[in-house]
C-alpha atoms as a PDB file:
ATOM      1  CA  UNK A   1       0.000   0.000   0.000  1.00  0.00           C
ATOM      2  CA  UNK A   2       1.248   3.457  -0.928  1.00  0.00           C
ATOM      3  CA  UNK A   3       0.019   6.772   0.422  1.00  0.00           C
ATOM      4  CA  UNK A   4       0.749   9.947  -1.498  1.00  0.00           C
ATOM      5  CA  UNK A   5       0.861  13.373   0.130  1.00  0.00           C
ATOM      6  CA  UNK A   6       1.087  16.509  -1.981  1.00  0.00           C
ATOM      7  CA  UNK A   7       2.441  19.829  -0.772  1.00  0.00           C
ATOM      8  CA  UNK A   8       3.597  23.149  -2.149  1.00  0.00           C
ATOM      9  CA  UNK A   9       0.319  24.572  -3.366  1.00  0.00           C
ATOM     10  CA  UNK A  10      -0.867  28.055  -2.554  1.00  0.00           C
ATOM     11  CA  UNK A  11      -1.757  31.467  -3.894  1.00  0.00           C
ATOM     12  CA  UNK A  12       0.550  32.985  -6.488  1.00  0.00           C
ATOM     13  CA  UNK A  13       0.325  35.945  -8.829  1.00  0.00           C
ATOM     14  CA  UNK A  14       0.204  35.468 -12.588  1.00  0.00           C
ATOM     15  CA  UNK A  15       3.703  34.918 -13.916  1.00  0.00           C
ATOM     16  CA  UNK A  16       4.861  33.420 -10.654  1.00  0.00           C
ATOM     17  CA  UNK A  17       6.189  29.963  -9.838  1.00  0.00           C
ATOM     18  CA  UNK A  18       5.376  27.098  -7.527  1.00  0.00           C
ATOM     19  CA  UNK A  19       7.005  23.766  -6.891  1.00  0.00           C
ATOM     20  CA  UNK A  20       4.711  20.929  -5.936  1.00  0.00           C
ATOM     21  CA  UNK A  21       6.004  17.870  -4.124  1.00  0.00           C
ATOM     22  CA  UNK A  22       4.464  14.435  -3.757  1.00  0.00           C
ATOM     23  CA  UNK A  23       5.872  12.247  -1.013  1.00  0.00           C
ATOM     24  CA  UNK A  24       5.109   8.537  -0.924  1.00  0.00           C
ATOM     25  CA  UNK A  25       4.760   6.809   2.415  1.00  0.00           C
ATOM     26  CA  UNK A  26       5.910   3.560   0.907  1.00  0.00           C
ATOM     27  CA  UNK A  27       8.732   3.152  -1.516  1.00  0.00           C
ATOM     28  CA  UNK A  28       8.435   4.400  -5.060  1.00  0.00           C
ATOM     29  CA  UNK A  29       9.639   1.611  -7.232  1.00  0.00           C
ATOM     30  CA  UNK A  30      11.771   2.283 -10.244  1.00  0.00           C
ATOM     31  CA  UNK A  31       9.092   0.539 -12.270  1.00  0.00           C
ATOM     32  CA  UNK A  32       6.310   2.886 -11.114  1.00  0.00           C
ATOM     33  CA  UNK A  33       4.918   5.514 -13.454  1.00  0.00           C
ATOM     34  CA  UNK A  34       4.107   8.855 -11.847  1.00  0.00           C
ATOM     35  CA  UNK A  35       1.947  11.750 -12.927  1.00  0.00           C
ATOM     36  CA  UNK A  36       0.350  15.010 -11.908  1.00  0.00           C
ATOM     37  CA  UNK A  37      -3.274  15.698 -12.745  1.00  0.00           C
ATOM     38  CA  UNK A  38      -5.438  18.689 -11.963  1.00  0.00           C
ATOM     39  CA  UNK A  39      -9.104  19.475 -11.630  1.00  0.00           C
ATOM     40  CA  UNK A  40     -10.539  22.952 -11.892  1.00  0.00           C
ATOM     41  CA  UNK A  41     -14.021  23.794 -10.558  1.00  0.00           C
ATOM     42  CA  UNK A  42     -16.700  22.459 -12.863  1.00  0.00           C
ATOM     43  CA  UNK A  43     -14.207  20.648 -15.064  1.00  0.00           C
ATOM     44  CA  UNK A  44     -12.993  17.092 -15.433  1.00  0.00           C
ATOM     45  CA  UNK A  45      -9.694  15.971 -14.009  1.00  0.00           C
ATOM     46  CA  UNK A  46      -6.956  16.224 -16.613  1.00  0.00           C
ATOM     47  CA  UNK A  47      -3.419  14.975 -16.993  1.00  0.00           C
ATOM     48  CA  UNK A  48      -0.810  17.701 -16.606  1.00  0.00           C
ATOM     49  CA  UNK A  49       2.501  15.848 -16.707  1.00  0.00           C
ATOM     50  CA  UNK A  50       3.790  12.299 -16.438  1.00  0.00           C
ATOM     51  CA  UNK A  51       7.109  10.592 -15.930  1.00  0.00           C
ATOM     52  CA  UNK A  52       7.699   6.941 -16.641  1.00  0.00           C
ATOM     53  CA  UNK A  53       9.945   4.470 -14.887  1.00  0.00           C
ATOM     54  CA  UNK A  54      12.560   5.222 -17.542  1.00  0.00           C
ATOM     55  CA  UNK A  55      12.099   8.938 -16.779  1.00  0.00           C
ATOM     56  CA  UNK A  56      10.474   9.657 -20.118  1.00  0.00           C
ATOM     57  CA  UNK A  57       8.277  12.694 -19.615  1.00  0.00           C
ATOM     58  CA  UNK A  58       5.094  13.902 -21.230  1.00  0.00           C
ATOM     59  CA  UNK A  59       3.108  17.085 -20.851  1.00  0.00           C
ATOM     60  CA  UNK A  60      -0.303  18.450 -21.667  1.00  0.00           C
ATOM     61  CA  UNK A  61      -0.132  21.141 -24.318  1.00  0.00           C
ATOM     62  CA  UNK A  62      -1.101  23.692 -21.688  1.00  0.00           C
ATOM     63  CA  UNK A  63       1.935  22.733 -19.579  1.00  0.00           C
ATOM     64  CA  UNK A  64       4.614  22.409 -22.244  1.00  0.00           C
ATOM     65  CA  UNK A  65       7.461  24.855 -21.828  1.00  0.00           C
ATOM     66  CA  UNK A  66       6.246  25.997 -18.413  1.00  0.00           C
ATOM     67  CA  UNK A  67       6.048  22.907 -16.199  1.00  0.00           C
ATOM     68  CA  UNK A  68       8.702  20.313 -15.426  1.00  0.00           C
ATOM     69  CA  UNK A  69       8.081  16.960 -13.774  1.00  0.00           C
ATOM     70  CA  UNK A  70      10.886  15.100 -12.047  1.00  0.00           C
ATOM     71  CA  UNK A  71      11.320  12.236  -9.621  1.00  0.00           C
ATOM     72  CA  UNK A  72      13.719  11.229  -6.887  1.00  0.00           C
ATOM     73  CA  UNK A  73      13.211   7.544  -6.197  1.00  0.00           C
ATOM     74  CA  UNK A  74      15.732   7.562  -3.355  1.00  0.00           C
ATOM     75  CA  UNK A  75      13.592  10.153  -1.554  1.00  0.00           C
ATOM     76  CA  UNK A  76      10.279   8.631  -2.692  1.00  0.00           C
ATOM     77  CA  UNK A  77       9.250  12.001  -4.075  1.00  0.00           C
ATOM     78  CA  UNK A  78       7.936  13.419  -7.316  1.00  0.00           C
ATOM     79  CA  UNK A  79       8.020  17.108  -8.143  1.00  0.00           C
ATOM     80  CA  UNK A  80       6.211  19.489 -10.442  1.00  0.00           C
ATOM     81  CA  UNK A  81       7.966  22.773 -11.088  1.00  0.00           C
ATOM     82  CA  UNK A  82       5.466  25.279 -12.447  1.00  0.00           C
ATOM     83  CA  UNK A  83       6.668  28.542 -13.969  1.00  0.00           C
ATOM     84  CA  UNK A  84       4.894  31.400 -15.724  1.00  0.00           C
ATOM     85  CA  UNK A  85       1.673  30.489 -14.007  1.00  0.00           C
ATOM     86  CA  UNK A  86      -1.613  31.691 -15.458  1.00  0.00           C
ATOM     87  CA  UNK A  87      -5.057  32.138 -13.880  1.00  0.00           C
ATOM     88  CA  UNK A  88      -6.254  29.152 -15.913  1.00  0.00           C
ATOM     89  CA  UNK A  89      -3.760  26.961 -14.022  1.00  0.00           C
ATOM     90  CA  UNK A  90      -5.935  27.390 -10.938  1.00  0.00           C
ATOM     91  CA  UNK A  91      -7.017  23.925  -9.826  1.00  0.00           C
ATOM     92  CA  UNK A  92      -6.520  21.185  -7.301  1.00  0.00           C
ATOM     93  CA  UNK A  93      -3.405  19.264  -8.293  1.00  0.00           C
ATOM     94  CA  UNK A  94      -3.268  15.524  -7.649  1.00  0.00           C
ATOM     95  CA  UNK A  95      -0.315  13.174  -7.572  1.00  0.00           C
ATOM     96  CA  UNK A  96      -0.829   9.768  -9.166  1.00  0.00           C
ATOM     97  CA  UNK A  97       1.224   6.578  -9.015  1.00  0.00           C
ATOM     98  CA  UNK A  98       0.648   3.599 -11.279  1.00  0.00           C
ATOM     99  CA  UNK A  99       2.263   0.332 -10.315  1.00  0.00           C
ATOM    100  CA  UNK A 100       2.426  -2.652 -12.602  1.00  0.00           C
ATOM    101  CA  UNK A 101       2.459  -6.403 -11.913  1.00  0.00           C
ATOM    102  CA  UNK A 102      -0.145  -6.466 -10.378  1.00  0.00           C
ATOM    103  CA  UNK A 103      -1.778  -3.204 -11.441  1.00  0.00           C
ATOM    104  CA  UNK A 104      -2.290  -0.615  -8.708  1.00  0.00           C
ATOM    105  CA  UNK A 105      -3.392   3.003  -9.031  1.00  0.00           C
ATOM    106  CA  UNK A 106      -2.856   5.433  -6.161  1.00  0.00           C
ATOM    107  CA  UNK A 107      -3.929   9.069  -5.713  1.00  0.00           C
ATOM    108  CA  UNK A 108      -3.023  11.773  -3.272  1.00  0.00           C
ATOM    109  CA  UNK A 109      -5.571  14.032  -1.582  1.00  0.00           C
ATOM    110  CA  UNK A 110      -4.651  17.029  -3.734  1.00  0.00           C
ATOM    111  CA  UNK A 111      -3.177  20.455  -3.159  1.00  0.00           C
ATOM    112  CA  UNK A 112      -4.844  23.716  -4.170  1.00  0.00           C
ATOM    113  CA  UNK A 113      -3.094  26.045  -6.584  1.00  0.00           C
ATOM    114  CA  UNK A 114      -4.637  29.465  -7.081  1.00  0.00           C
ATOM    115  CA  UNK A 115      -3.210  31.927  -9.587  1.00  0.00           C
ATOM    116  CA  UNK A 116      -4.663  35.371  -9.061  1.00  0.00           C
ATOM    117  CA  UNK A 117      -3.635  38.973  -8.710  1.00  0.00           C
END
């Protein structure tokens, strides 16, 4: 069983930066795939960024060039560096871990990010 705890959210002005962290209570395996999703009020949850076990990364078009996902397996932590934030980035951000063999899907409780002047 893995528990994920996000931190680093908050209120930031447009153009500002935040760094989200996701700490796993259990060990993050090198074979786990990790991702950040977000959900804005009245909208569906969407994928923001993902990083595979081989550290291949992928980003939503809205995040490309502004967000960077990274992982530190030794510290059981995944990060999302968010730069040039826009009001439309306002959402609850969720950490997600997918484990294979057998399949397991874990979610954190979310951290609020609000971009506003």
